[in-house]
């Protein structure tokens, strides 16, 4: 089995996830302006990668942002969801923030929370493929394009990665260039490098424990 095939193995659990079934079934034309007049609650916590903003609609988590500046995170949220009604999450968000931070620190444990994932049909295909890349592995933009049946769309795959609003939960940090080099990351190349290093180290530890 070559590296590309190995890296592109999809998790059966993810492929059968009902959250994806409902998301893919939505027609973007029906959704119109995504999140228009939707109430989105949010709060900010801290993790090893800096500040993290978590936002949630009535359907599930719709944003996980990373940055060093909490104020910038709020501005980014406003820019991302200009037609939504943004409301501070308050004390009831503490447990949610704690779960997301724990996931960021150890992505291999998974995130057992509902996600509200909205985008075009093509973006949905890309994001679903990204969630199939196991922690500790990577895949190239061109490999993702081939996997979703659009072999000439590597650049469009990169654009879908760039507009992903769910850091780590939709692991666009695991997508690299065909030569293995790191390329851009919405939340900074150093965070991408740190996440990949963390996941590789965790995978090595798991293998040692299983040996």
Foldseek 3Di string as FASTA:
>chain_A
DDQQVVQQAFDPCLVPPVLLVVQLPDACVVCPQPQAAFEKEKDWDAAPQAIWIWIATPQWTEAIAGANDPVVVVVVVCVLRVRYHYDYPPPVCPVVVVQVRVCLLPVQVPRPIGYDDHDHNVLSLLLSSQQRRHQLAAHELQSSCVVSPRNVCSVVSVVSQLSRRYDSNSPSLRYDHPVPHHDDHNHDPVSSVVRNVSSNVVVVVVVVVVD
